[in-house]
Amino acid sequence: MTASPVQQFLERLGRDPLLQVKVQAAVTADEVARLAQELGYAVSGSDLLMLSGRSAAGVRVTRVNHPGEYPGRYY
């Protein structure tokens, strides 16, 4: 079974310390998705938000709640 683009990106993220720094500096899921897209992975911010609270490929995805957002919007 082939891994999804999100899983492939997270696997790369787990191995690439420079990419980890860039992802940690990103403010939104869309910014992280843009980083993934620049590397050739078809990933959206929504894809990432739907993984919030879970681990994939050794990487834990955590959604940061920002004031003014709608609770439960992506899950």
PDB file of N, CA and C in Angstrom:
ATOM      1  N   MET A   1       0.841  -1.175   0.000  1.00  0.00           N
ATOM      2  CA  MET A   1       0.000   0.000   0.000  1.00  0.00           C
ATOM      3  C   MET A   1       0.895   1.249   0.000  1.00  0.00           C
ATOM      4  N   THR A   2       0.602   2.186  -0.856  1.00  0.00           N
ATOM      5  CA  THR A   2       1.378   3.408  -0.984  1.00  0.00           C
ATOM      6  C   THR A   2       0.944   4.417   0.077  1.00  0.00           C
ATOM      7  N   ALA A   3       1.932   5.062   0.669  1.00  0.00           N
ATOM      8  CA  ALA A   3       1.644   6.084   1.689  1.00  0.00           C
ATOM      9  C   ALA A   3       1.042   7.313   1.010  1.00  0.00           C
ATOM     10  N   SER A   4       0.170   7.995   1.740  1.00  0.00           N
ATOM     11  CA  SER A   4      -0.445   9.221   1.231  1.00  0.00           C
ATOM     12  C   SER A   4       0.608  10.324   1.172  1.00  0.00           C
ATOM     13  N   PRO A   5       0.346  11.387   0.408  1.00  0.00           N
ATOM     14  CA  PRO A   5       1.288  12.507   0.362  1.00  0.00           C
ATOM     15  C   PRO A   5       1.574  13.099   1.747  1.00  0.00           C
ATOM     16  N   VAL A   6       0.566  13.142   2.605  1.00  0.00           N
ATOM     17  CA  VAL A   6       0.768  13.673   3.957  1.00  0.00           C
ATOM     18  C   VAL A   6       1.731  12.765   4.718  1.00  0.00           C
ATOM     19  N   GLN A   7       1.521  11.464   4.640  1.00  0.00           N
ATOM     20  CA  GLN A   7       2.404  10.529   5.328  1.00  0.00           C
ATOM     21  C   GLN A   7       3.829  10.613   4.779  1.00  0.00           C
ATOM     22  N   GLN A   8       3.955  10.734   3.463  1.00  0.00           N
ATOM     23  CA  GLN A   8       5.270  10.859   2.852  1.00  0.00           C
ATOM     24  C   GLN A   8       5.974  12.130   3.334  1.00  0.00           C
ATOM     25  N   PHE A   9       5.236  13.225   3.397  1.00  0.00           N
ATOM     26  CA  PHE A   9       5.806  14.480   3.886  1.00  0.00           C
ATOM     27  C   PHE A   9       6.244  14.345   5.343  1.00  0.00           C
ATOM     28  N   LEU A  10       5.406  13.733   6.175  1.00  0.00           N
ATOM     29  CA  LEU A  10       5.739  13.579   7.588  1.00  0.00           C
ATOM     30  C   LEU A  10       6.955  12.672   7.782  1.00  0.00           C
ATOM     31  N   GLU A  11       7.088  11.664   6.932  1.00  0.00           N
ATOM     32  CA  GLU A  11       8.278  10.806   6.988  1.00  0.00           C
ATOM     33  C   GLU A  11       9.530  11.629   6.686  1.00  0.00           C
ATOM     34  N   ARG A  12       9.443  12.457   5.655  1.00  0.00           N
ATOM     35  CA  ARG A  12      10.583  13.317   5.324  1.00  0.00           C
ATOM     36  C   ARG A  12      10.862  14.306   6.454  1.00  0.00           C
ATOM     37  N   LEU A  13       9.810  14.862   7.010  1.00  0.00           N
ATOM     38  CA  LEU A  13       9.943  15.806   8.118  1.00  0.00           C
ATOM     39  C   LEU A  13      10.670  15.156   9.292  1.00  0.00           C
ATOM     40  N   GLY A  14      10.378  13.904   9.567  1.00  0.00           N
ATOM     41  CA  GLY A  14      11.015  13.193  10.664  1.00  0.00           C
ATOM     42  C   GLY A  14      12.506  12.990  10.460  1.00  0.00           C
ATOM     43  N   ARG A  15      12.953  13.003   9.202  1.00  0.00           N
ATOM     44  CA  ARG A  15      14.367  12.772   8.886  1.00  0.00           C
ATOM     45  C   ARG A  15      15.161  14.041   8.610  1.00  0.00           C
ATOM     46  N   ASP A  16      14.485  15.171   8.433  1.00  0.00           N
ATOM     47  CA  ASP A  16      15.143  16.391   7.949  1.00  0.00           C
ATOM     48  C   ASP A  16      15.112  17.501   9.009  1.00  0.00           C
ATOM     49  N   PRO A  17      16.215  17.689   9.745  1.00  0.00           N
ATOM     50  CA  PRO A  17      16.227  18.703  10.811  1.00  0.00           C
ATOM     51  C   PRO A  17      15.996  20.127  10.302  1.00  0.00           C
ATOM     52  N   LEU A  18      16.480  20.461   9.123  1.00  0.00           N
ATOM     53  CA  LEU A  18      16.273  21.810   8.572  1.00  0.00           C
ATOM     54  C   LEU A  18      14.790  22.038   8.279  1.00  0.00           C
ATOM     55  N   LEU A  19      14.140  21.035   7.725  1.00  0.00           N
ATOM     56  CA  LEU A  19      12.702  21.136   7.457  1.00  0.00           C
ATOM     57  C   LEU A  19      11.928  21.253   8.769  1.00  0.00           C
ATOM     58  N   GLN A  20      12.370  20.574   9.800  1.00  0.00           N
ATOM     59  CA  GLN A  20      11.714  20.667  11.109  1.00  0.00           C
ATOM     60  C   GLN A  20      11.752  22.095  11.635  1.00  0.00           C
ATOM     61  N   VAL A  21      12.873  22.764  11.460  1.00  0.00           N
ATOM     62  CA  VAL A  21      13.001  24.153  11.902  1.00  0.00           C
ATOM     63  C   VAL A  21      12.026  25.040  11.127  1.00  0.00           C
ATOM     64  N   LYS A  22      11.921  24.818   9.818  1.00  0.00           N
ATOM     65  CA  LYS A  22      11.008  25.622   8.989  1.00  0.00           C
ATOM     66  C   LYS A  22       9.557  25.390   9.401  1.00  0.00           C
ATOM     67  N   VAL A  23       9.206  24.139   9.671  1.00  0.00           N
ATOM     68  CA  VAL A  23       7.827  23.818  10.064  1.00  0.00           C
ATOM     69  C   VAL A  23       7.514  24.437  11.429  1.00  0.00           C
ATOM     70  N   GLN A  24       8.453  24.381  12.355  1.00  0.00           N
ATOM     71  CA  GLN A  24       8.225  24.964  13.675  1.00  0.00           C
ATOM     72  C   GLN A  24       8.080  26.480  13.606  1.00  0.00           C
ATOM     73  N   ALA A  25       8.687  27.105  12.605  1.00  0.00           N
ATOM     74  CA  ALA A  25       8.588  28.559  12.447  1.00  0.00           C
ATOM     75  C   ALA A  25       7.290  28.972  11.745  1.00  0.00           C
ATOM     76  N   ALA A  26       6.630  28.026  11.095  1.00  0.00           N
ATOM     77  CA  ALA A  26       5.379  28.326  10.388  1.00  0.00           C
ATOM     78  C   ALA A  26       4.280  28.622  11.405  1.00  0.00           C
ATOM     79  N   VAL A  27       3.414  29.568  11.062  1.00  0.00           N
ATOM     80  CA  VAL A  27       2.356  29.988  11.977  1.00  0.00           C
ATOM     81  C   VAL A  27       1.062  29.220  11.723  1.00  0.00           C
ATOM     82  N   THR A  28       0.787  28.878  10.470  1.00  0.00           N
ATOM     83  CA  THR A  28      -0.475  28.226  10.132  1.00  0.00           C
ATOM     84  C   THR A  28      -0.231  26.896   9.425  1.00  0.00           C
ATOM     85  N   ALA A  29      -1.268  26.081   9.410  1.00  0.00           N
ATOM     86  CA  ALA A  29      -1.203  24.809   8.692  1.00  0.00           C
ATOM     87  C   ALA A  29      -1.010  25.056   7.193  1.00  0.00           C
ATOM     88  N   ASP A  30      -1.567  26.131   6.688  1.00  0.00           N
ATOM     89  CA  ASP A  30      -1.388  26.456   5.265  1.00  0.00           C
ATOM     90  C   ASP A  30       0.071  26.757   4.942  1.00  0.00           C
ATOM     91  N   GLU A  31       0.781  27.391   5.869  1.00  0.00           N
ATOM     92  CA  GLU A  31       2.206  27.656   5.658  1.00  0.00           C
ATOM     93  C   GLU A  31       2.992  26.342   5.621  1.00  0.00           C
ATOM     94  N   VAL A  32       2.640  25.412   6.501  1.00  0.00           N
ATOM     95  CA  VAL A  32       3.300  24.101   6.494  1.00  0.00           C
ATOM     96  C   VAL A  32       2.967  23.377   5.195  1.00  0.00           C
ATOM     97  N   ALA A  33       1.725  23.467   4.757  1.00  0.00           N
ATOM     98  CA  ALA A  33       1.327  22.835   3.503  1.00  0.00           C
ATOM     99  C   ALA A  33       2.108  23.416   2.329  1.00  0.00           C
ATOM    100  N   ARG A  34       2.347  24.728   2.336  1.00  0.00           N
ATOM    101  CA  ARG A  34       3.142  25.345   1.267  1.00  0.00           C
ATOM    102  C   ARG A  34       4.563  24.798   1.253  1.00  0.00           C
ATOM    103  N   LEU A  35       5.134  24.595   2.435  1.00  0.00           N
ATOM    104  CA  LEU A  35       6.462  23.987   2.510  1.00  0.00           C
ATOM    105  C   LEU A  35       6.443  22.592   1.880  1.00  0.00           C
ATOM    106  N   ALA A  36       5.414  21.822   2.198  1.00  0.00           N
ATOM    107  CA  ALA A  36       5.278  20.478   1.632  1.00  0.00           C
ATOM    108  C   ALA A  36       5.121  20.544   0.112  1.00  0.00           C
ATOM    109  N   GLN A  37       4.291  21.472  -0.354  1.00  0.00           N
ATOM    110  CA  GLN A  37       4.054  21.605  -1.792  1.00  0.00           C
ATOM    111  C   GLN A  37       5.320  22.010  -2.533  1.00  0.00           C
ATOM    112  N   GLU A  38       6.149  22.854  -1.920  1.00  0.00           N
ATOM    113  CA  GLU A  38       7.408  23.251  -2.540  1.00  0.00           C
ATOM    114  C   GLU A  38       8.339  22.055  -2.720  1.00  0.00           C
ATOM    115  N   LEU A  39       8.152  21.035  -1.889  1.00  0.00           N
ATOM    116  CA  LEU A  39       8.962  19.823  -1.978  1.00  0.00           C
ATOM    117  C   LEU A  39       8.291  18.749  -2.839  1.00  0.00           C
ATOM    118  N   GLY A  40       7.132  19.077  -3.409  1.00  0.00           N
ATOM    119  CA  GLY A  40       6.462  18.154  -4.322  1.00  0.00           C
ATOM    120  C   GLY A  40       5.390  17.269  -3.716  1.00  0.00           C
ATOM    121  N   TYR A  41       4.977  17.545  -2.488  1.00  0.00           N
ATOM    122  CA  TYR A  41       3.932  16.753  -1.838  1.00  0.00           C
ATOM    123  C   TYR A  41       2.597  17.473  -1.971  1.00  0.00           C
ATOM    124  N   ALA A  42       1.574  16.771  -2.417  1.00  0.00           N
ATOM    125  CA  ALA A  42       0.235  17.351  -2.572  1.00  0.00           C
ATOM    126  C   ALA A  42      -0.469  17.330  -1.217  1.00  0.00           C
ATOM    127  N   VAL A  43      -0.171  18.329  -0.396  1.00  0.00           N
ATOM    128  CA  VAL A  43      -0.687  18.408   0.971  1.00  0.00           C
ATOM    129  C   VAL A  43      -1.396  19.741   1.149  1.00  0.00           C
ATOM    130  N   SER A  44      -2.541  19.719   1.837  1.00  0.00           N
ATOM    131  CA  SER A  44      -3.246  20.967   2.137  1.00  0.00           C
ATOM    132  C   SER A  44      -3.219  21.209   3.645  1.00  0.00           C
ATOM    133  N   GLY A  45      -3.509  22.439   4.025  1.00  0.00           N
ATOM    134  CA  GLY A  45      -3.601  22.764   5.438  1.00  0.00           C
ATOM    135  C   GLY A  45      -4.672  21.937   6.133  1.00  0.00           C
ATOM    136  N   SER A  46      -5.770  21.697   5.448  1.00  0.00           N
ATOM    137  CA  SER A  46      -6.855  20.882   6.014  1.00  0.00           C
ATOM    138  C   SER A  46      -6.405  19.447   6.267  1.00  0.00           C
ATOM    139  N   ASP A  47      -5.603  18.901   5.343  1.00  0.00           N
ATOM    140  CA  ASP A  47      -5.064  17.549   5.535  1.00  0.00           C
ATOM    141  C   ASP A  47      -4.293  17.470   6.842  1.00  0.00           C
ATOM    142  N   LEU A  48      -3.475  18.477   7.083  1.00  0.00           N
ATOM    143  CA  LEU A  48      -2.656  18.497   8.293  1.00  0.00           C
ATOM    144  C   LEU A  48      -3.510  18.678   9.543  1.00  0.00           C
ATOM    145  N   LEU A  49      -4.489  19.560   9.483  1.00  0.00           N
ATOM    146  CA  LEU A  49      -5.346  19.808  10.643  1.00  0.00           C
ATOM    147  C   LEU A  49      -6.152  18.577  11.026  1.00  0.00           C
ATOM    148  N   MET A  50      -6.520  17.775  10.042  1.00  0.00           N
ATOM    149  CA  MET A  50      -7.295  16.568  10.341  1.00  0.00           C
ATOM    150  C   MET A  50      -6.454  15.526  11.077  1.00  0.00           C
ATOM    151  N   LEU A  51      -5.129  15.650  11.041  1.00  0.00           N
ATOM    152  CA  LEU A  51      -4.249  14.736  11.767  1.00  0.00           C
ATOM    153  C   LEU A  51      -3.927  15.224  13.178  1.00  0.00           C
ATOM    154  N   SER A  52      -4.448  16.357  13.561  1.00  0.00           N
ATOM    155  CA  SER A  52      -4.129  16.952  14.859  1.00  0.00           C
ATOM    156  C   SER A  52      -4.368  15.964  15.994  1.00  0.00           C
ATOM    157  N   GLY A  53      -3.374  15.875  16.866  1.00  0.00           N
ATOM    158  CA  GLY A  53      -3.476  14.991  18.014  1.00  0.00           C
ATOM    159  C   GLY A  53      -2.984  13.590  17.745  1.00  0.00           C
ATOM    160  N   ARG A  54      -2.583  13.308  16.528  1.00  0.00           N
ATOM    161  CA  ARG A  54      -2.110  11.972  16.165  1.00  0.00           C
ATOM    162  C   ARG A  54      -0.644  12.022  15.765  1.00  0.00           C
ATOM    163  N   SER A  55      -0.044  10.858  15.769  1.00  0.00           N
ATOM    164  CA  SER A  55       1.333  10.726  15.301  1.00  0.00           C
ATOM    165  C   SER A  55       1.337   9.929  14.012  1.00  0.00           C
ATOM    166  N   ALA A  56       2.201  10.325  13.106  1.00  0.00           N
ATOM    167  CA  ALA A  56       2.380   9.600  11.847  1.00  0.00           C
ATOM    168  C   ALA A  56       3.855   9.673  11.488  1.00  0.00           C
ATOM    169  N   ALA A  57       4.417   8.542  11.137  1.00  0.00           N
ATOM    170  CA  ALA A  57       5.826   8.470  10.739  1.00  0.00           C
ATOM    171  C   ALA A  57       6.746   9.043  11.819  1.00  0.00           C
ATOM    172  N   GLY A  58       6.364   8.871  13.089  1.00  0.00           N
ATOM    173  CA  GLY A  58       7.184   9.360  14.182  1.00  0.00           C
ATOM    174  C   GLY A  58       7.080  10.858  14.444  1.00  0.00           C
ATOM    175  N   VAL A  59       6.160  11.522  13.765  1.00  0.00           N
ATOM    176  CA  VAL A  59       5.964  12.965  13.918  1.00  0.00           C
ATOM    177  C   VAL A  59       4.585  13.194  14.515  1.00  0.00           C
ATOM    178  N   ARG A  60       4.521  13.930  15.603  1.00  0.00           N
ATOM    179  CA  ARG A  60       3.227  14.243  16.223  1.00  0.00           C
ATOM    180  C   ARG A  60       2.713  15.555  15.656  1.00  0.00           C
ATOM    181  N   VAL A  61       1.469  15.525  15.199  1.00  0.00           N
ATOM    182  CA  VAL A  61       0.832  16.708  14.622  1.00  0.00           C
ATOM    183  C   VAL A  61      -0.026  17.354  15.712  1.00  0.00           C
ATOM    184  N   THR A  62       0.242  18.616  15.979  1.00  0.00           N
ATOM    185  CA  THR A  62      -0.481  19.333  17.024  1.00  0.00           C
ATOM    186  C   THR A  62      -1.050  20.623  16.453  1.00  0.00           C
ATOM    187  N   ARG A  63      -2.332  20.781  16.609  1.00  0.00           N
ATOM    188  CA  ARG A  63      -3.008  21.998  16.156  1.00  0.00           C
ATOM    189  C   ARG A  63      -2.955  23.028  17.275  1.00  0.00           C
ATOM    190  N   VAL A  64      -2.530  24.213  16.946  1.00  0.00           N
ATOM    191  CA  VAL A  64      -2.489  25.305  17.909  1.00  0.00           C
ATOM    192  C   VAL A  64      -3.778  26.105  17.763  1.00  0.00           C
ATOM    193  N   ASN A  65      -4.493  26.273  18.860  1.00  0.00           N
ATOM    194  CA  ASN A  65      -5.735  27.048  18.819  1.00  0.00           C
ATOM    195  C   ASN A  65      -5.408  28.532  18.871  1.00  0.00           C
ATOM    196  N   HIS A  66      -5.906  29.256  17.896  1.00  0.00           N
ATOM    197  CA  HIS A  66      -5.708  30.691  17.827  1.00  0.00           C
ATOM    198  C   HIS A  66      -7.020  31.383  18.175  1.00  0.00           C
ATOM    199  N   PRO A  67      -6.980  32.497  18.872  1.00  0.00           N
ATOM    200  CA  PRO A  67      -8.208  33.216  19.204  1.00  0.00           C
ATOM    201  C   PRO A  67      -8.987  33.583  17.936  1.00  0.00           C
ATOM    202  N   GLY A  68     -10.282  33.433  18.013  1.00  0.00           N
ATOM    203  CA  GLY A  68     -11.137  33.807  16.893  1.00  0.00           C
ATOM    204  C   GLY A  68     -11.454  32.672  15.937  1.00  0.00           C
ATOM    205  N   GLU A  69     -10.844  31.497  16.130  1.00  0.00           N
ATOM    206  CA  GLU A  69     -11.154  30.368  15.266  1.00  0.00           C
ATOM    207  C   GLU A  69     -12.389  29.644  15.776  1.00  0.00           C
ATOM    208  N   TYR A  70     -13.013  28.904  14.902  1.00  0.00           N
ATOM    209  CA  TYR A  70     -14.192  28.153  15.259  1.00  0.00           C
ATOM    210  C   TYR A  70     -13.798  26.785  15.791  1.00  0.00           C
ATOM    211  N   PRO A  71     -14.127  26.470  17.043  1.00  0.00           N
ATOM    212  CA  PRO A  71     -13.782  25.152  17.593  1.00  0.00           C
ATOM    213  C   PRO A  71     -14.451  24.031  16.798  1.00  0.00           C
ATOM    214  N   GLY A  72     -13.737  22.958  16.581  1.00  0.00           N
ATOM    215  CA  GLY A  72     -14.301  21.806  15.898  1.00  0.00           C
ATOM    216  C   GLY A  72     -14.412  21.928  14.406  1.00  0.00           C
ATOM    217  N   ARG A  73     -13.882  22.970  13.840  1.00  0.00           N
ATOM    218  CA  ARG A  73     -14.035  23.203  12.402  1.00  0.00           C
ATOM    219  C   ARG A  73     -13.408  22.104  11.552  1.00  0.00           C
ATOM    220  N   TYR A  74     -12.288  21.540  11.985  1.00  0.00           N
ATOM    221  CA  TYR A  74     -11.574  20.574  11.159  1.00  0.00           C
ATOM    222  C   TYR A  74     -11.620  19.156  11.707  1.00  0.00           C
ATOM    223  N   TYR A  75     -12.411  18.913  12.717  1.00  0.00           N
ATOM    224  CA  TYR A  75     -12.490  17.556  13.265  1.00  0.00           C
ATOM    225  C   TYR A  75     -13.857  17.262  13.758  1.00  0.00           C
TER     226      TYR A  75
END
